[in-house]
Amino acid sequence: MANPVNPPRGMRDFLPADKARREHALGVIRSSYAAQGFDEIETPVLEDASRLHSGLGGDNEKLAFGVLRRGLTAEAVGEYAAAGDLEGLTDLGLRFDLTVPLARFYATHRGALPGVFKSIQIAPVWRAERPQKGRYRQFVQCDIDIIGESGVVAEIELIAATLATLDALGLTGCSIRINHRAILRGLIASWGVREANYERAMITIDKEDKIGVDGVVAELVELGLIDDAVAAQAAESLTGLPDDGWGLLEAADAGSVPWLDVEAYRQLHEIRDAVTAVVPDAALVFSHNLVRGMGYYTGAIFEIQHPEFGYSLGGGGRYDGMIGRFLGSDVPAVGFSLGFERIVDLVDLSEGHASDSVVLVYDRDVDPAVLFGLKSQLVLSGARVRVEKRVKNLKALLERLTDAGYRRFAPVTADTRTVGDLQVKPLV
């Protein structure tokens, strides 16, 4: 038996119907973000390996695909490997996200960009993940970022634009979980955790929704980040919070949440109030255990939640220190990324997309000049047109065309001469 011919593990082919759905969703996302005043850019799929491994990408740096230096002999490869210098083998790598390339892009082109730059990036990225359901080695990211704005107007605009895009995609009922890195740091510091261990403690706090407060406290103790004497205090800090999370100012004034960074919390209030004023049905929920995995976040962080799904549909946050690594001076920046691979499965092709399409099913004795003349006229009128030869099993053909997204067909016989002669019928 012949071996199956499949794409590389963790990568996928897309059949026409799947590709059509993806392109439809991408088109909605692009047009929605463009209408909100963001400009699309493009960056190379490759970046310098030193840049990809500069500490900006967190754990994703470990998943970067490297490209061997040109001209390396097998002997040289062996010497590098024997010395354990695997990074010396590569000088380029495939991008593992779009944020590091954006930071490099801005540093390269800053003089040609406005003081406040609002970008769209929609492109594939690559990570050497262990392939499993929902995790791929190649996938598409959809990012919008605002660079150069230090105030919360950037967060407000990003969240409002993202909510508008979710609405354009037909995804209703989404809420935005929001937190602030300063609040997380204050919470962890109140337990006596050393600053060098803050990121590790955040990883554990991020598990609260899955393992509960007791599980979080037990893991912190097991890791040696807190001792048994502090465990009760940590548990108390993580329980008894207001249902929607927005009543902590009064509690802080009463001294019952001494760990709360009040200024950061007021920023989140300002973001919430402005977004809900623009999008009245928007639901922003303060989540003390929202962490977001990337260590480069410095301020507000946010995530899209949907009541029907146990996973995030996207997220982002402020990363003021990243671009400064390239320029030598800090530049404020905030970004929001849609989880495209999760969202695309929830999006249906619009009825307009389907109703503008028609299949011309022609008999063998039809004059090709007439057939393609009809097709040209329909295309000029704005329709998407496909021609198919009539076959014995017409039912199977029509079912396949329906799966491909078509909703109408028209028989073309030897007597058909003009578009007016066509009898357009529904496929379903």
Protein backbone atom coordinates (compact mmCIF):
# COMPACT_ATOMS: atom_id res chain seq x y z
CA MET A 1 0.00 0.00 0.00
CA ALA A 2 1.34 3.44 -0.92
CA ASN A 3 2.21 5.80 1.89
CA PRO A 4 -0.30 8.67 2.31
CA VAL A 5 0.87 11.98 0.84
CA ASN A 6 0.19 14.56 3.54
CA PRO A 7 1.44 18.07 4.31
CA PRO A 8 4.13 18.39 7.02
CA ARG A 9 2.91 17.67 10.54
CA GLY A 10 1.13 20.62 12.09
CA MET A 11 0.44 22.24 8.72
CA ARG A 12 -2.70 22.05 6.59
CA ASP A 13 -4.09 22.16 3.09
CA PHE A 14 -7.40 23.98 2.57
CA LEU A 15 -10.05 22.76 0.16
CA PRO A 16 -11.92 25.40 -1.88
CA ALA A 17 -14.88 25.71 0.52
CA ASP A 18 -12.54 26.12 3.51
CA LYS A 19 -10.38 28.62 1.65
CA ALA A 20 -13.48 30.60 0.64
CA ARG A 21 -14.61 30.77 4.28
CA ARG A 22 -11.16 31.91 5.41
CA GLU A 23 -10.88 34.60 2.73
CA HIS A 24 -14.39 35.83 3.49
CA ALA A 25 -13.52 36.20 7.19
CA LEU A 26 -10.19 37.87 6.39
CA GLY A 27 -11.95 40.29 4.05
CA VAL A 28 -14.43 41.28 6.77
CA ILE A 29 -11.61 41.77 9.27
CA ARG A 30 -9.52 43.85 6.87
CA SER A 31 -12.37 46.11 5.80
CA SER A 32 -13.58 46.59 9.37
CA TYR A 33 -10.15 47.56 10.71
CA ALA A 34 -9.47 49.80 7.70
CA ALA A 35 -12.77 51.60 8.33
CA GLN A 36 -11.53 52.23 11.88
CA GLY A 37 -8.49 54.12 10.54
CA PHE A 38 -5.80 51.41 10.69
CA ASP A 39 -3.30 50.96 7.83
CA GLU A 40 -2.11 47.55 6.68
CA ILE A 41 1.60 46.77 6.49
CA GLU A 42 3.60 43.72 5.45
CA THR A 43 6.84 42.38 6.90
CA PRO A 44 9.12 39.52 5.74
CA VAL A 45 8.43 36.00 6.97
CA LEU A 46 12.09 35.85 8.05
CA GLU A 47 13.82 37.97 10.69
CA ASP A 48 17.39 37.92 12.02
CA ALA A 49 17.76 35.03 14.44
CA SER A 50 19.39 37.32 17.00
CA ARG A 51 16.28 39.51 16.98
CA LEU A 52 13.91 36.58 17.34
CA HIS A 53 15.94 35.37 20.33
CA SER A 54 16.43 38.74 22.03
CA GLY A 55 14.11 38.03 24.97
CA LEU A 56 11.10 39.83 23.47
CA GLY A 57 9.07 36.76 22.56
CA GLY A 58 8.92 34.89 25.86
CA ASP A 59 8.46 31.13 25.59
CA ASN A 60 7.64 31.47 21.89
CA GLU A 61 11.33 32.06 21.21
CA LYS A 62 11.93 28.41 22.06
CA LEU A 63 9.48 27.45 19.29
CA ALA A 64 11.09 29.50 16.52
CA PHE A 65 12.10 27.69 13.33
CA GLY A 66 15.70 28.53 12.42
CA VAL A 67 17.24 28.72 8.93
CA LEU A 68 20.76 27.28 8.51
CA ARG A 69 23.44 29.77 7.54
CA ARG A 70 24.26 29.62 3.85
CA GLY A 71 27.42 27.80 2.90
CA LEU A 72 27.78 25.71 6.05
CA THR A 73 29.48 22.41 5.37
CA ALA A 74 28.42 19.18 7.03
CA GLU A 75 31.67 19.31 9.00
CA ALA A 76 30.90 22.83 10.27
CA VAL A 77 27.39 21.80 11.26
CA GLY A 78 28.86 18.91 13.24
CA GLU A 79 31.31 21.22 15.02
CA TYR A 80 28.56 23.65 16.02
CA ALA A 81 26.39 20.78 17.23
CA ALA A 82 29.28 19.20 19.18
CA ALA A 83 29.94 22.52 20.88
CA GLY A 84 26.25 22.89 21.77
CA ASP A 85 26.11 26.14 19.78
CA LEU A 86 22.84 25.49 18.01
CA GLU A 87 22.09 29.21 17.63
CA GLY A 88 25.39 29.59 15.78
CA LEU A 89 23.98 27.34 13.08
CA THR A 90 21.33 29.86 12.09
CA ASP A 91 21.32 33.50 11.11
CA LEU A 92 17.62 33.79 10.17
CA GLY A 93 14.36 32.40 11.52
CA LEU A 94 10.67 32.24 10.64
CA ARG A 95 8.64 34.76 12.61
CA PHE A 96 6.72 33.21 15.53
CA ASP A 97 4.38 36.18 15.96
CA LEU A 98 3.73 39.58 14.36
CA THR A 99 4.65 41.80 17.32
CA VAL A 100 8.43 41.36 17.17
CA PRO A 101 8.45 42.07 13.39
CA LEU A 102 6.26 45.14 14.00
CA ALA A 103 8.70 46.47 16.58
CA ARG A 104 11.55 46.01 14.09
CA PHE A 105 9.44 47.55 11.29
CA TYR A 106 8.73 50.65 13.36
CA ALA A 107 12.39 51.05 14.32
CA THR A 108 13.32 50.77 10.62
CA HIS A 109 10.72 53.18 9.22
CA ARG A 110 10.01 55.53 12.12
CA GLY A 111 10.95 58.64 10.13
CA ALA A 112 8.37 57.84 7.44
CA LEU A 113 5.53 57.08 9.88
CA PRO A 114 3.12 59.41 11.71
CA GLY A 115 3.70 60.24 15.36
CA VAL A 116 0.88 57.88 16.32
CA PHE A 117 0.96 54.90 13.98
CA LYS A 118 -2.01 52.53 13.71
CA SER A 119 -1.21 49.30 11.92
CA ILE A 120 -2.94 46.16 10.64
CA GLN A 121 -0.97 42.96 10.16
CA ILE A 122 -2.64 39.82 8.83
CA ALA A 123 -0.21 37.06 7.97
CA PRO A 124 0.96 33.52 8.74
CA VAL A 125 3.40 32.77 11.56
CA TRP A 126 5.29 29.59 12.41
CA ARG A 127 5.98 27.83 15.69
CA ALA A 128 7.57 24.45 16.30
CA GLU A 129 4.62 23.33 18.39
CA ARG A 130 3.91 19.72 19.22
CA PRO A 131 0.98 19.19 16.81
CA GLN A 132 -2.34 18.44 18.46
CA LYS A 133 -5.99 19.44 18.11
CA GLY A 134 -6.20 23.23 17.83
CA ARG A 135 -2.41 23.71 17.74
CA TYR A 136 -0.67 24.13 14.40
CA ARG A 137 2.86 24.87 13.28
CA GLN A 138 1.62 27.38 10.72
CA PHE A 139 -1.35 29.64 11.42
CA VAL A 140 -2.66 33.12 10.65
CA GLN A 141 -2.59 36.02 13.09
CA CYS A 142 -4.70 39.19 12.74
CA ASP A 143 -3.19 42.09 14.70
CA ILE A 144 -3.95 45.76 15.14
CA ASP A 145 -1.50 47.95 17.05
CA ILE A 146 -1.19 51.60 18.05
CA ILE A 147 2.36 52.88 18.49
CA GLY A 148 3.22 56.29 19.95
CA GLU A 149 0.17 56.86 22.18
CA SER A 150 0.87 56.62 25.91
CA GLY A 151 -2.68 57.36 27.13
CA VAL A 152 -5.59 54.98 27.53
CA VAL A 153 -7.17 56.34 24.33
CA ALA A 154 -5.09 53.68 22.56
CA GLU A 155 -6.61 50.84 24.60
CA ILE A 156 -10.07 52.32 24.15
CA GLU A 157 -9.71 52.55 20.37
CA LEU A 158 -8.28 49.03 20.04
CA ILE A 159 -11.03 47.43 22.11
CA ALA A 160 -13.82 49.38 20.36
CA ALA A 161 -12.39 48.51 16.92
CA THR A 162 -12.12 44.84 17.86
CA LEU A 163 -15.70 44.71 19.15
CA ALA A 164 -16.89 46.32 15.90
CA THR A 165 -14.99 43.69 13.92
CA LEU A 166 -16.44 40.81 15.95
CA ASP A 167 -19.88 42.27 15.28
CA ALA A 168 -19.13 42.49 11.54
CA LEU A 169 -18.16 38.80 11.64
CA GLY A 170 -21.51 37.99 13.24
CA LEU A 171 -20.00 36.93 16.58
CA THR A 172 -22.32 38.17 19.31
CA GLY A 173 -22.24 37.71 23.06
CA CYS A 174 -18.48 38.30 23.41
CA SER A 175 -17.07 39.99 26.50
CA ILE A 176 -13.67 41.52 27.19
CA ARG A 177 -11.77 40.39 30.28
CA ILE A 178 -9.35 43.09 31.40
CA ASN A 179 -6.57 43.44 33.95
CA HIS A 180 -3.35 45.39 34.47
CA ARG A 181 0.18 44.10 34.99
CA ALA A 182 0.72 46.64 37.80
CA ILE A 183 -2.26 45.14 39.66
CA LEU A 184 -0.84 41.64 39.25
CA ARG A 185 2.57 42.77 40.48
CA GLY A 186 1.00 44.45 43.52
CA LEU A 187 -0.99 41.32 44.33
CA ILE A 188 2.08 39.09 44.11
CA ALA A 189 4.30 41.51 46.01
CA SER A 190 1.83 41.54 48.90
CA TRP A 191 2.62 37.83 49.40
CA GLY A 192 6.33 38.51 49.71
CA VAL A 193 7.26 36.91 46.38
CA ARG A 194 10.65 38.04 45.09
CA GLU A 195 10.48 40.22 41.96
CA ALA A 196 12.60 37.73 40.01
CA ASN A 197 9.77 35.20 40.50
CA TYR A 198 6.84 37.44 39.51
CA GLU A 199 6.48 35.93 36.03
CA ARG A 200 6.47 32.38 37.43
CA ALA A 201 3.84 33.32 40.00
CA MET A 202 1.70 34.87 37.24
CA ILE A 203 1.77 31.61 35.29
CA THR A 204 0.23 29.89 38.33
CA ILE A 205 -2.36 32.63 38.94
CA ASP A 206 -3.42 32.28 35.29
CA LYS A 207 -4.59 28.74 36.11
CA GLU A 208 -7.16 29.85 38.69
CA ASP A 209 -10.14 29.31 36.37
CA LYS A 210 -9.06 25.65 35.94
CA ILE A 211 -7.65 24.65 39.34
CA GLY A 212 -9.40 27.11 41.67
CA VAL A 213 -7.97 29.34 44.39
CA ASP A 214 -6.89 26.37 46.53
CA GLY A 215 -5.02 24.88 43.59
CA VAL A 216 -3.25 28.17 42.88
CA VAL A 217 -2.16 28.59 46.51
CA ALA A 218 -1.01 24.96 46.74
CA GLU A 219 1.10 25.31 43.59
CA LEU A 220 2.67 28.56 44.79
CA VAL A 221 3.66 26.81 48.02
CA GLU A 222 4.94 23.75 46.15
CA LEU A 223 7.11 25.96 43.93
CA GLY A 224 8.53 27.69 47.01
CA LEU A 225 7.24 31.10 45.91
CA ILE A 226 5.27 31.55 49.16
CA ASP A 227 5.36 29.69 52.48
CA ASP A 228 2.56 28.13 54.51
CA ALA A 229 2.34 31.23 56.70
CA VAL A 230 1.35 33.37 53.69
CA ALA A 231 -0.94 30.79 52.07
CA ALA A 232 -4.05 31.90 53.97
CA GLN A 233 -3.38 35.55 53.07
CA ALA A 234 -2.95 34.62 49.39
CA ALA A 235 -6.21 32.66 49.39
CA GLU A 236 -8.04 35.57 51.01
CA SER A 237 -6.67 37.98 48.37
CA LEU A 238 -8.04 35.80 45.56
CA THR A 239 -11.54 35.34 47.03
CA GLY A 240 -14.36 37.63 48.03
CA LEU A 241 -13.95 39.98 45.07
CA PRO A 242 -17.03 41.77 43.67
CA ASP A 243 -18.98 39.71 41.12
CA ASP A 244 -18.13 41.96 38.17
CA GLY A 245 -14.77 43.04 39.60
CA TRP A 246 -15.53 46.76 39.38
CA GLY A 247 -16.24 47.52 43.06
CA LEU A 248 -12.68 47.43 44.36
CA LEU A 249 -12.23 51.20 44.66
CA GLU A 250 -14.62 51.35 47.60
CA ALA A 251 -12.93 48.30 49.11
CA ALA A 252 -9.51 49.92 48.62
CA ASP A 253 -10.69 53.09 50.37
CA ALA A 254 -11.79 50.91 53.27
CA GLY A 255 -8.34 49.30 53.37
CA SER A 256 -9.57 45.78 52.62
CA VAL A 257 -7.50 45.36 49.42
CA PRO A 258 -4.13 46.91 50.32
CA TRP A 259 -2.47 45.15 47.36
CA LEU A 260 -4.55 47.03 44.74
CA ASP A 261 -2.67 49.48 42.51
CA VAL A 262 -5.40 52.12 42.58
CA GLU A 263 -3.99 54.22 39.71
CA ALA A 264 -3.87 51.22 37.38
CA TYR A 265 -7.37 50.22 38.46
CA ARG A 266 -8.67 53.73 37.72
CA GLN A 267 -7.18 53.42 34.22
CA LEU A 268 -9.21 50.26 33.67
CA HIS A 269 -12.35 52.08 34.88
CA GLU A 270 -11.65 54.85 32.36
CA ILE A 271 -11.22 52.32 29.56
CA ARG A 272 -14.43 50.52 30.52
CA ASP A 273 -16.50 53.72 30.77
CA ALA A 274 -15.31 55.02 27.39
CA VAL A 275 -15.77 51.72 25.53
CA THR A 276 -19.29 51.17 26.90
CA ALA A 277 -20.18 54.75 25.96
CA VAL A 278 -19.19 53.98 22.35
CA VAL A 279 -20.47 50.37 22.32
CA PRO A 280 -23.42 50.38 24.77
CA ASP A 281 -23.82 46.60 24.85
CA ALA A 282 -20.09 45.96 25.39
CA ALA A 283 -19.27 43.81 28.41
CA LEU A 284 -15.92 44.54 30.05
CA VAL A 285 -15.14 42.41 33.10
CA PHE A 286 -12.25 43.03 35.49
CA SER A 287 -10.44 39.71 35.97
CA HIS A 288 -7.77 39.72 38.67
CA ASN A 289 -6.39 36.39 37.38
CA LEU A 290 -6.03 37.41 33.73
CA VAL A 291 -2.30 37.28 33.00
CA ARG A 292 -1.62 36.81 29.24
CA GLY A 293 1.51 34.81 28.62
CA MET A 294 3.94 37.27 27.09
CA GLY A 295 6.43 38.77 29.51
CA TYR A 296 6.73 41.99 27.49
CA TYR A 297 3.34 43.36 28.68
CA THR A 298 3.72 46.43 30.87
CA GLY A 299 0.18 47.78 31.44
CA ALA A 300 -3.41 46.94 30.63
CA ILE A 301 -4.04 43.45 29.24
CA PHE A 302 -7.27 42.12 27.73
CA GLU A 303 -8.81 38.98 26.28
CA ILE A 304 -11.94 38.08 24.29
CA GLN A 305 -14.26 35.62 26.00
CA HIS A 306 -17.40 33.94 24.66
CA PRO A 307 -19.91 32.12 26.91
CA GLU A 308 -20.13 29.11 24.58
CA PHE A 309 -16.40 28.43 24.40
CA GLY A 310 -13.88 27.55 27.07
CA TYR A 311 -11.04 29.33 25.32
CA SER A 312 -10.07 32.86 24.38
CA LEU A 313 -10.88 34.25 20.91
CA GLY A 314 -8.04 36.78 21.05
CA GLY A 315 -6.30 39.24 23.30
CA GLY A 316 -3.51 41.73 23.74
CA GLY A 317 -2.16 44.50 25.90
CA ARG A 318 0.31 47.34 26.35
CA TYR A 319 4.00 46.62 25.69
CA ASP A 320 5.78 49.96 26.17
CA GLY A 321 9.30 48.54 26.54
CA MET A 322 9.62 46.44 23.38
CA ILE A 323 10.38 48.97 20.64
CA GLY A 324 12.91 50.71 22.86
CA ARG A 325 15.02 47.56 22.64
CA PHE A 326 15.61 48.42 18.97
CA LEU A 327 15.65 52.24 19.13
CA GLY A 328 17.38 52.85 22.44
CA SER A 329 14.46 54.99 23.64
CA ASP A 330 11.06 53.74 24.79
CA VAL A 331 8.03 54.15 22.54
CA PRO A 332 4.54 53.40 23.93
CA ALA A 333 2.68 50.61 22.14
CA VAL A 334 -0.52 48.59 22.53
CA GLY A 335 -1.79 45.68 20.43
CA PHE A 336 -4.82 43.43 20.03
CA SER A 337 -4.71 40.09 18.19
CA LEU A 338 -7.71 38.06 16.99
CA GLY A 339 -7.47 34.29 17.31
CA PHE A 340 -8.22 33.79 13.62
CA GLU A 341 -7.96 30.00 13.52
CA ARG A 342 -10.59 29.74 16.25
CA ILE A 343 -12.82 32.51 14.92
CA VAL A 344 -12.90 31.33 11.30
CA ASP A 345 -14.68 28.10 12.27
CA LEU A 346 -17.49 30.18 13.78
CA VAL A 347 -18.05 32.35 10.72
CA ASP A 348 -20.50 31.48 7.93
CA LEU A 349 -20.22 32.76 4.38
CA SER A 350 -22.62 35.66 3.98
CA GLU A 351 -25.83 35.15 2.05
CA GLY A 352 -24.73 37.99 -0.22
CA HIS A 353 -21.58 36.06 -1.11
CA ALA A 354 -23.69 33.00 -2.00
CA SER A 355 -26.50 34.78 -3.84
CA ASP A 356 -24.06 36.54 -6.18
CA SER A 357 -22.75 33.19 -7.45
CA VAL A 358 -24.14 31.00 -10.23
CA VAL A 359 -23.06 27.82 -12.01
CA LEU A 360 -23.66 27.42 -15.75
CA VAL A 361 -24.27 23.68 -16.36
CA TYR A 362 -23.81 23.19 -20.10
CA ASP A 363 -24.66 20.41 -22.54
CA ARG A 364 -21.95 18.86 -24.70
CA ASP A 365 -23.30 20.42 -27.91
CA VAL A 366 -23.19 24.01 -26.62
CA ASP A 367 -21.05 26.42 -28.67
CA PRO A 368 -18.07 27.42 -26.45
CA ALA A 369 -18.19 30.98 -27.79
CA VAL A 370 -21.80 31.29 -26.63
CA LEU A 371 -21.06 29.66 -23.26
CA PHE A 372 -18.15 31.93 -22.38
CA GLY A 373 -19.96 34.95 -23.78
CA LEU A 374 -22.72 34.28 -21.24
CA LYS A 375 -20.15 33.86 -18.49
CA SER A 376 -18.45 37.17 -19.38
CA GLN A 377 -21.74 39.07 -19.28
CA LEU A 378 -22.63 37.63 -15.86
CA VAL A 379 -19.18 38.38 -14.47
CA LEU A 380 -19.44 41.98 -15.71
CA SER A 381 -22.76 42.27 -13.87
CA GLY A 382 -20.97 41.41 -10.60
CA ALA A 383 -21.69 37.69 -10.28
CA ARG A 384 -19.24 34.92 -9.46
CA VAL A 385 -19.63 32.41 -12.30
CA ARG A 386 -18.46 28.84 -12.78
CA VAL A 387 -19.03 26.58 -15.78
CA GLU A 388 -19.58 22.83 -15.37
CA LYS A 389 -20.30 20.17 -18.00
CA ARG A 390 -23.57 18.29 -17.44
CA VAL A 391 -22.91 14.75 -16.21
CA LYS A 392 -25.10 11.68 -15.72
CA ASN A 393 -25.12 12.04 -11.93
CA LEU A 394 -26.34 15.64 -11.90
CA LYS A 395 -27.46 15.39 -8.28
CA ALA A 396 -23.93 14.60 -7.08
CA LEU A 397 -22.56 17.52 -9.10
CA LEU A 398 -25.08 19.96 -7.62
CA GLU A 399 -24.33 18.73 -4.09
CA ARG A 400 -20.63 19.31 -4.62
CA LEU A 401 -21.31 22.82 -5.92
CA THR A 402 -23.50 23.55 -2.91
CA ASP A 403 -20.64 22.48 -0.61
CA ALA A 404 -18.39 24.87 -2.54
CA GLY A 405 -20.66 27.78 -1.60
CA TYR A 406 -22.83 28.15 -4.72
CA ARG A 407 -26.57 28.62 -4.32
CA ARG A 408 -27.86 28.94 -7.92
CA PHE A 409 -27.36 27.19 -11.26
CA ALA A 410 -28.63 27.64 -14.80
CA PRO A 411 -28.77 24.96 -17.54
CA VAL A 412 -27.19 26.00 -20.85
CA THR A 413 -28.44 24.15 -23.94
CA ALA A 414 -27.80 24.49 -27.66
CA ASP A 415 -30.85 26.79 -27.81
CA THR A 416 -29.48 29.22 -25.20
CA ARG A 417 -28.25 32.42 -26.82
CA THR A 418 -28.52 35.29 -24.32
CA VAL A 419 -28.52 35.85 -20.58
CA GLY A 420 -32.25 36.40 -20.87
CA ASP A 421 -32.65 32.79 -22.04
CA LEU A 422 -31.15 31.41 -18.82
CA GLN A 423 -33.49 29.78 -16.32
CA VAL A 424 -31.73 30.32 -12.98
CA LYS A 425 -32.67 27.74 -10.33
CA PRO A 426 -31.77 27.38 -6.65
CA LEU A 427 -29.25 24.68 -5.74
CA VAL A 428 -30.79 24.23 -2.30
